[in-house]
Amino acid sequence: TRLIEYATNKVLPLILVCASGGARMQEGSLSLMQMAKISSALYTYQLNQKLFYVSILTSPTTGGVTASFGMLGDIIIAEPNAHIAFAGKRIIEQTLNVTVPEGLQEAEYSFHKGLLDFIVPRNPLK
């Protein structure tokens, strides 16, 4: 959150590299509130200052990060074959009683569905 607040105050563009396996039950409410805190800071950053935010999704980017600040970028970039999902394959299959197709939670699928702007390997991003 401090990085986002710094970028807001200094009127700087922002690049966040997201990597998360999702919040764990053991981490409690503090973990869940951190995602809301980051999303709120990004809202202020983008709305009030109209600044430029790039989100880079690495593998894995799952859970609340995907549902919150990971997908809020003006430009969303993912690494090739990055695992991007809200819930895991097993959870989806057990909850909905369906079979999740292979590749459904890979960056390339999200790109073809219009959820990502680019797929770029890590080295050229440096």
N, C-alpha and C. Protein backbone atom coordinates (compact mmCIF):
# COMPACT_ATOMS: atom_id res chain seq x y z
N THR A 1 0.82 -1.19 0.00
CA THR A 1 0.00 0.00 0.00
C THR A 1 0.87 1.25 0.00
N ARG A 2 1.99 1.20 0.69
CA ARG A 2 2.86 2.38 0.76
C ARG A 2 3.39 2.77 -0.61
N LEU A 3 3.70 1.78 -1.44
CA LEU A 3 4.18 2.07 -2.80
C LEU A 3 3.11 2.81 -3.60
N ILE A 4 1.87 2.36 -3.49
CA ILE A 4 0.77 2.99 -4.22
C ILE A 4 0.57 4.42 -3.72
N GLU A 5 0.60 4.61 -2.41
CA GLU A 5 0.45 5.94 -1.84
C GLU A 5 1.60 6.85 -2.26
N TYR A 6 2.82 6.31 -2.30
CA TYR A 6 3.98 7.09 -2.75
C TYR A 6 3.80 7.51 -4.21
N ALA A 7 3.41 6.57 -5.07
CA ALA A 7 3.19 6.88 -6.48
C ALA A 7 2.08 7.91 -6.65
N THR A 8 1.04 7.83 -5.84
CA THR A 8 -0.05 8.79 -5.90
C THR A 8 0.45 10.18 -5.52
N ASN A 9 1.17 10.28 -4.42
CA ASN A 9 1.66 11.58 -3.93
C ASN A 9 2.69 12.20 -4.86
N LYS A 10 3.51 11.37 -5.50
CA LYS A 10 4.56 11.88 -6.39
C LYS A 10 4.10 11.93 -7.85
N VAL A 11 2.85 11.54 -8.11
CA VAL A 11 2.25 11.52 -9.46
C VAL A 11 3.13 10.70 -10.41
N LEU A 12 3.37 9.45 -10.02
CA LEU A 12 4.22 8.54 -10.79
C LEU A 12 3.38 7.40 -11.37
N PRO A 13 3.81 6.84 -12.50
CA PRO A 13 3.17 5.61 -12.98
C PRO A 13 3.51 4.47 -12.01
N LEU A 14 2.71 3.42 -12.06
CA LEU A 14 2.87 2.33 -11.10
C LEU A 14 2.89 0.99 -11.83
N ILE A 15 3.86 0.16 -11.48
CA ILE A 15 3.92 -1.21 -11.99
C ILE A 15 3.93 -2.14 -10.78
N LEU A 16 2.93 -3.02 -10.71
CA LEU A 16 2.89 -4.03 -9.65
C LEU A 16 3.08 -5.41 -10.26
N VAL A 17 3.96 -6.18 -9.67
CA VAL A 17 4.17 -7.57 -10.08
C VAL A 17 3.42 -8.43 -9.07
N CYS A 18 2.40 -9.11 -9.56
CA CYS A 18 1.52 -9.90 -8.68
C CYS A 18 1.91 -11.37 -8.70
N ALA A 19 2.01 -11.94 -7.53
CA ALA A 19 2.25 -13.38 -7.38
C ALA A 19 1.62 -13.79 -6.07
N SER A 20 0.61 -14.63 -6.13
CA SER A 20 -0.05 -15.06 -4.90
C SER A 20 -0.77 -16.37 -5.12
N GLY A 21 -0.64 -17.24 -4.17
CA GLY A 21 -1.40 -18.48 -4.20
C GLY A 21 -2.74 -18.32 -3.52
N GLY A 22 -3.08 -17.09 -3.13
CA GLY A 22 -4.34 -16.83 -2.45
C GLY A 22 -4.15 -16.78 -0.95
N ALA A 23 -5.09 -16.15 -0.28
CA ALA A 23 -5.05 -16.05 1.18
C ALA A 23 -5.38 -17.41 1.79
N ARG A 24 -4.73 -17.71 2.86
CA ARG A 24 -4.96 -18.97 3.57
C ARG A 24 -5.86 -18.72 4.78
N MET A 25 -6.62 -19.69 5.14
CA MET A 25 -7.51 -19.58 6.30
C MET A 25 -6.73 -19.22 7.56
N GLN A 26 -5.50 -19.74 7.69
CA GLN A 26 -4.70 -19.51 8.88
C GLN A 26 -4.29 -18.05 9.02
N GLU A 27 -4.28 -17.32 7.90
CA GLU A 27 -3.84 -15.93 7.94
C GLU A 27 -4.92 -15.01 8.49
N GLY A 28 -6.15 -15.44 8.48
CA GLY A 28 -7.24 -14.70 9.09
C GLY A 28 -7.68 -13.46 8.34
N SER A 29 -8.41 -12.62 9.05
CA SER A 29 -9.03 -11.45 8.43
C SER A 29 -8.01 -10.41 8.00
N LEU A 30 -6.85 -10.37 8.65
CA LEU A 30 -5.83 -9.40 8.27
C LEU A 30 -5.41 -9.58 6.82
N SER A 31 -5.29 -10.83 6.40
CA SER A 31 -4.93 -11.13 5.02
C SER A 31 -6.00 -10.65 4.05
N LEU A 32 -7.26 -10.89 4.40
CA LEU A 32 -8.36 -10.46 3.53
C LEU A 32 -8.45 -8.94 3.46
N MET A 33 -8.23 -8.27 4.57
CA MET A 33 -8.32 -6.81 4.60
C MET A 33 -7.19 -6.16 3.80
N GLN A 34 -6.06 -6.82 3.70
CA GLN A 34 -4.94 -6.24 2.94
C GLN A 34 -5.31 -6.08 1.47
N MET A 35 -6.05 -7.04 0.90
CA MET A 35 -6.47 -6.93 -0.50
C MET A 35 -7.41 -5.75 -0.68
N ALA A 36 -8.32 -5.55 0.27
CA ALA A 36 -9.24 -4.41 0.20
C ALA A 36 -8.48 -3.10 0.35
N LYS A 37 -7.49 -3.09 1.23
CA LYS A 37 -6.68 -1.89 1.45
C LYS A 37 -5.90 -1.52 0.18
N ILE A 38 -5.32 -2.51 -0.47
CA ILE A 38 -4.58 -2.26 -1.71
C ILE A 38 -5.53 -1.79 -2.81
N SER A 39 -6.68 -2.43 -2.95
CA SER A 39 -7.66 -2.04 -3.97
C SER A 39 -8.16 -0.63 -3.73
N SER A 40 -8.37 -0.26 -2.48
CA SER A 40 -8.81 1.09 -2.14
C SER A 40 -7.75 2.13 -2.51
N ALA A 41 -6.50 1.82 -2.20
CA ALA A 41 -5.40 2.73 -2.55
C ALA A 41 -5.29 2.87 -4.07
N LEU A 42 -5.48 1.77 -4.80
CA LEU A 42 -5.45 1.84 -6.27
C LEU A 42 -6.61 2.65 -6.82
N TYR A 43 -7.76 2.56 -6.18
CA TYR A 43 -8.93 3.35 -6.59
C TYR A 43 -8.60 4.84 -6.50
N THR A 44 -8.02 5.24 -5.38
CA THR A 44 -7.61 6.64 -5.20
C THR A 44 -6.56 7.02 -6.23
N TYR A 45 -5.59 6.13 -6.43
CA TYR A 45 -4.52 6.37 -7.40
C TYR A 45 -5.08 6.60 -8.80
N GLN A 46 -5.99 5.75 -9.24
CA GLN A 46 -6.49 5.83 -10.61
C GLN A 46 -7.58 6.89 -10.78
N LEU A 47 -8.44 7.04 -9.82
CA LEU A 47 -9.57 7.96 -9.98
C LEU A 47 -9.17 9.41 -9.77
N ASN A 48 -8.55 9.70 -8.65
CA ASN A 48 -8.24 11.09 -8.32
C ASN A 48 -7.08 11.65 -9.13
N GLN A 49 -6.07 10.86 -9.35
CA GLN A 49 -4.89 11.34 -10.06
C GLN A 49 -4.89 10.95 -11.54
N LYS A 50 -5.75 10.00 -11.92
CA LYS A 50 -5.80 9.48 -13.29
C LYS A 50 -4.40 9.04 -13.75
N LEU A 51 -3.73 8.31 -12.89
CA LEU A 51 -2.38 7.85 -13.18
C LEU A 51 -2.42 6.48 -13.84
N PHE A 52 -1.26 6.06 -14.34
CA PHE A 52 -1.15 4.86 -15.17
C PHE A 52 -0.66 3.68 -14.34
N TYR A 53 -1.44 2.62 -14.30
CA TYR A 53 -1.13 1.43 -13.51
C TYR A 53 -1.00 0.21 -14.41
N VAL A 54 0.15 -0.46 -14.33
CA VAL A 54 0.40 -1.69 -15.07
C VAL A 54 0.46 -2.84 -14.07
N SER A 55 -0.31 -3.87 -14.33
CA SER A 55 -0.32 -5.06 -13.49
C SER A 55 0.36 -6.19 -14.25
N ILE A 56 1.37 -6.80 -13.63
CA ILE A 56 2.07 -7.93 -14.23
C ILE A 56 1.74 -9.17 -13.40
N LEU A 57 1.11 -10.15 -14.05
CA LEU A 57 0.69 -11.37 -13.36
C LEU A 57 1.71 -12.48 -13.60
N THR A 58 2.27 -12.99 -12.51
CA THR A 58 3.22 -14.10 -12.61
C THR A 58 2.50 -15.38 -12.16
N SER A 59 3.21 -16.47 -12.15
CA SER A 59 2.57 -17.74 -11.79
C SER A 59 2.99 -18.14 -10.38
N PRO A 60 2.07 -18.38 -9.48
CA PRO A 60 0.63 -18.27 -9.67
C PRO A 60 0.11 -16.89 -9.29
N THR A 61 -0.97 -16.48 -9.88
CA THR A 61 -1.75 -15.34 -9.41
C THR A 61 -3.17 -15.86 -9.26
N THR A 62 -3.53 -16.12 -8.03
CA THR A 62 -4.83 -16.75 -7.78
C THR A 62 -5.53 -16.09 -6.60
N GLY A 63 -6.74 -16.53 -6.36
CA GLY A 63 -7.51 -16.07 -5.21
C GLY A 63 -7.89 -14.61 -5.29
N GLY A 64 -7.87 -13.98 -4.13
CA GLY A 64 -8.31 -12.60 -4.03
C GLY A 64 -7.48 -11.61 -4.82
N VAL A 65 -6.20 -11.92 -5.05
CA VAL A 65 -5.37 -11.02 -5.86
C VAL A 65 -5.93 -10.92 -7.27
N THR A 66 -6.36 -12.05 -7.82
CA THR A 66 -6.98 -12.04 -9.14
C THR A 66 -8.30 -11.29 -9.10
N ALA A 67 -9.06 -11.50 -8.04
CA ALA A 67 -10.38 -10.87 -7.93
C ALA A 67 -10.30 -9.40 -7.56
N SER A 68 -9.14 -8.94 -7.13
CA SER A 68 -9.03 -7.55 -6.72
C SER A 68 -7.99 -6.81 -7.56
N PHE A 69 -6.87 -6.44 -6.97
CA PHE A 69 -5.95 -5.52 -7.63
C PHE A 69 -5.19 -6.11 -8.80
N GLY A 70 -5.10 -7.41 -8.92
CA GLY A 70 -4.37 -8.01 -10.05
C GLY A 70 -4.98 -7.69 -11.40
N MET A 71 -6.29 -7.53 -11.43
CA MET A 71 -6.99 -7.30 -12.70
C MET A 71 -7.45 -5.85 -12.87
N LEU A 72 -6.95 -4.93 -12.05
CA LEU A 72 -7.38 -3.53 -12.12
C LEU A 72 -6.47 -2.65 -12.97
N GLY A 73 -5.41 -3.20 -13.52
CA GLY A 73 -4.45 -2.39 -14.26
C GLY A 73 -5.03 -1.76 -15.52
N ASP A 74 -4.47 -0.61 -15.88
CA ASP A 74 -4.80 0.00 -17.17
C ASP A 74 -4.30 -0.92 -18.28
N ILE A 75 -3.17 -1.54 -18.02
CA ILE A 75 -2.63 -2.59 -18.89
C ILE A 75 -2.32 -3.78 -17.99
N ILE A 76 -2.76 -4.96 -18.43
CA ILE A 76 -2.53 -6.19 -17.66
C ILE A 76 -1.67 -7.12 -18.51
N ILE A 77 -0.50 -7.44 -17.98
CA ILE A 77 0.47 -8.29 -18.67
C ILE A 77 0.62 -9.58 -17.85
N ALA A 78 0.75 -10.70 -18.53
CA ALA A 78 1.00 -11.97 -17.83
C ALA A 78 2.21 -12.65 -18.46
N GLU A 79 2.88 -13.44 -17.66
CA GLU A 79 3.96 -14.27 -18.17
C GLU A 79 3.37 -15.45 -18.91
N PRO A 80 4.10 -15.99 -19.89
CA PRO A 80 3.60 -17.18 -20.60
C PRO A 80 3.32 -18.33 -19.63
N ASN A 81 2.22 -19.01 -19.87
CA ASN A 81 1.81 -20.18 -19.08
C ASN A 81 1.57 -19.89 -17.60
N ALA A 82 1.42 -18.62 -17.25
CA ALA A 82 1.16 -18.28 -15.85
C ALA A 82 -0.19 -18.86 -15.43
N HIS A 83 -0.24 -19.37 -14.23
CA HIS A 83 -1.48 -19.90 -13.66
C HIS A 83 -2.25 -18.73 -13.07
N ILE A 84 -3.38 -18.38 -13.70
CA ILE A 84 -4.19 -17.24 -13.28
C ILE A 84 -5.61 -17.75 -13.03
N ALA A 85 -6.06 -17.60 -11.80
CA ALA A 85 -7.38 -18.14 -11.45
C ALA A 85 -7.89 -17.49 -10.18
N PHE A 86 -9.18 -17.61 -9.96
CA PHE A 86 -9.73 -17.21 -8.66
C PHE A 86 -9.71 -18.41 -7.71
N ALA A 87 -10.29 -19.49 -8.16
CA ALA A 87 -10.33 -20.72 -7.35
C ALA A 87 -9.55 -21.81 -8.08
N GLY A 88 -9.04 -22.75 -7.32
CA GLY A 88 -8.31 -23.86 -7.91
C GLY A 88 -9.21 -24.82 -8.67
N LYS A 89 -8.58 -25.58 -9.55
CA LYS A 89 -9.31 -26.52 -10.40
C LYS A 89 -10.14 -27.50 -9.57
N ARG A 90 -9.54 -28.05 -8.53
CA ARG A 90 -10.23 -29.04 -7.70
C ARG A 90 -11.44 -28.42 -6.99
N ILE A 91 -11.29 -27.20 -6.51
CA ILE A 91 -12.40 -26.51 -5.83
C ILE A 91 -13.55 -26.29 -6.80
N ILE A 92 -13.25 -25.84 -8.01
CA ILE A 92 -14.29 -25.60 -9.02
C ILE A 92 -15.01 -26.91 -9.34
N GLU A 93 -14.23 -27.95 -9.57
CA GLU A 93 -14.83 -29.24 -9.94
C GLU A 93 -15.71 -29.80 -8.83
N GLN A 94 -15.25 -29.70 -7.59
CA GLN A 94 -16.03 -30.23 -6.48
C GLN A 94 -17.26 -29.39 -6.17
N THR A 95 -17.14 -28.08 -6.31
CA THR A 95 -18.25 -27.19 -5.99
C THR A 95 -19.34 -27.22 -7.06
N LEU A 96 -18.92 -27.16 -8.33
CA LEU A 96 -19.89 -27.08 -9.42
C LEU A 96 -20.21 -28.43 -10.06
N ASN A 97 -19.47 -29.46 -9.64
CA ASN A 97 -19.65 -30.79 -10.21
C ASN A 97 -19.48 -30.79 -11.74
N VAL A 98 -18.42 -30.13 -12.18
CA VAL A 98 -18.08 -30.06 -13.60
C VAL A 98 -16.60 -30.42 -13.75
N THR A 99 -16.19 -30.70 -14.98
CA THR A 99 -14.79 -30.93 -15.28
C THR A 99 -14.20 -29.65 -15.85
N VAL A 100 -13.12 -29.18 -15.25
CA VAL A 100 -12.46 -27.97 -15.73
C VAL A 100 -11.53 -28.37 -16.87
N PRO A 101 -11.71 -27.78 -18.06
CA PRO A 101 -10.86 -28.13 -19.20
C PRO A 101 -9.39 -27.77 -18.96
N GLU A 102 -8.50 -28.55 -19.54
CA GLU A 102 -7.07 -28.26 -19.46
C GLU A 102 -6.80 -26.88 -20.05
N GLY A 103 -5.93 -26.13 -19.39
CA GLY A 103 -5.53 -24.82 -19.91
C GLY A 103 -6.47 -23.69 -19.55
N LEU A 104 -7.58 -23.98 -18.91
CA LEU A 104 -8.57 -22.94 -18.59
C LEU A 104 -7.98 -21.86 -17.69
N GLN A 105 -7.05 -22.24 -16.82
CA GLN A 105 -6.50 -21.29 -15.86
C GLN A 105 -5.10 -20.82 -16.24
N GLU A 106 -4.78 -20.90 -17.52
CA GLU A 106 -3.48 -20.42 -17.99
C GLU A 106 -3.63 -19.05 -18.64
N ALA A 107 -2.55 -18.29 -18.64
CA ALA A 107 -2.57 -16.93 -19.17
C ALA A 107 -3.08 -16.87 -20.60
N GLU A 108 -2.72 -17.83 -21.40
CA GLU A 108 -3.10 -17.81 -22.82
C GLU A 108 -4.62 -17.85 -22.98
N TYR A 109 -5.30 -18.61 -22.15
CA TYR A 109 -6.76 -18.68 -22.21
C TYR A 109 -7.36 -17.32 -21.84
N SER A 110 -6.86 -16.72 -20.78
CA SER A 110 -7.35 -15.40 -20.36
C SER A 110 -7.08 -14.35 -21.43
N PHE A 111 -5.94 -14.45 -22.09
CA PHE A 111 -5.60 -13.51 -23.16
C PHE A 111 -6.59 -13.64 -24.31
N HIS A 112 -6.87 -14.86 -24.72
CA HIS A 112 -7.79 -15.09 -25.84
C HIS A 112 -9.22 -14.67 -25.50
N LYS A 113 -9.57 -14.64 -24.22
CA LYS A 113 -10.90 -14.20 -23.79
C LYS A 113 -10.94 -12.69 -23.52
N GLY A 114 -9.81 -12.01 -23.72
CA GLY A 114 -9.78 -10.56 -23.57
C GLY A 114 -9.54 -10.04 -22.16
N LEU A 115 -9.12 -10.90 -21.25
CA LEU A 115 -8.87 -10.47 -19.87
C LEU A 115 -7.47 -9.89 -19.68
N LEU A 116 -6.57 -10.18 -20.60
CA LEU A 116 -5.19 -9.70 -20.54
C LEU A 116 -4.88 -8.91 -21.80
N ASP A 117 -3.95 -7.97 -21.66
CA ASP A 117 -3.55 -7.17 -22.82
C ASP A 117 -2.35 -7.76 -23.55
N PHE A 118 -1.43 -8.34 -22.80
CA PHE A 118 -0.21 -8.89 -23.40
C PHE A 118 0.24 -10.12 -22.62
N ILE A 119 0.95 -11.00 -23.32
CA ILE A 119 1.68 -12.09 -22.67
C ILE A 119 3.14 -11.88 -23.06
N VAL A 120 3.97 -11.66 -22.04
CA VAL A 120 5.37 -11.31 -22.28
C VAL A 120 6.25 -12.09 -21.31
N PRO A 121 7.31 -12.75 -21.80
CA PRO A 121 8.24 -13.44 -20.88
C PRO A 121 8.89 -12.44 -19.92
N ARG A 122 9.34 -12.92 -18.80
CA ARG A 122 9.89 -12.06 -17.75
C ARG A 122 11.12 -11.26 -18.19
N ASN A 123 12.07 -11.89 -18.88
CA ASN A 123 13.31 -11.19 -19.24
C ASN A 123 13.08 -9.90 -20.04
N PRO A 124 12.26 -9.89 -21.08
CA PRO A 124 12.03 -8.63 -21.80
C PRO A 124 11.33 -7.55 -20.95
N LEU A 125 10.67 -7.95 -19.89
CA LEU A 125 10.00 -6.98 -19.03
C LEU A 125 10.98 -6.17 -18.19
N LYS A 126 12.16 -6.74 -17.97
CA LYS A 126 13.16 -6.05 -17.14
C LYS A 126 13.65 -4.84 -17.88
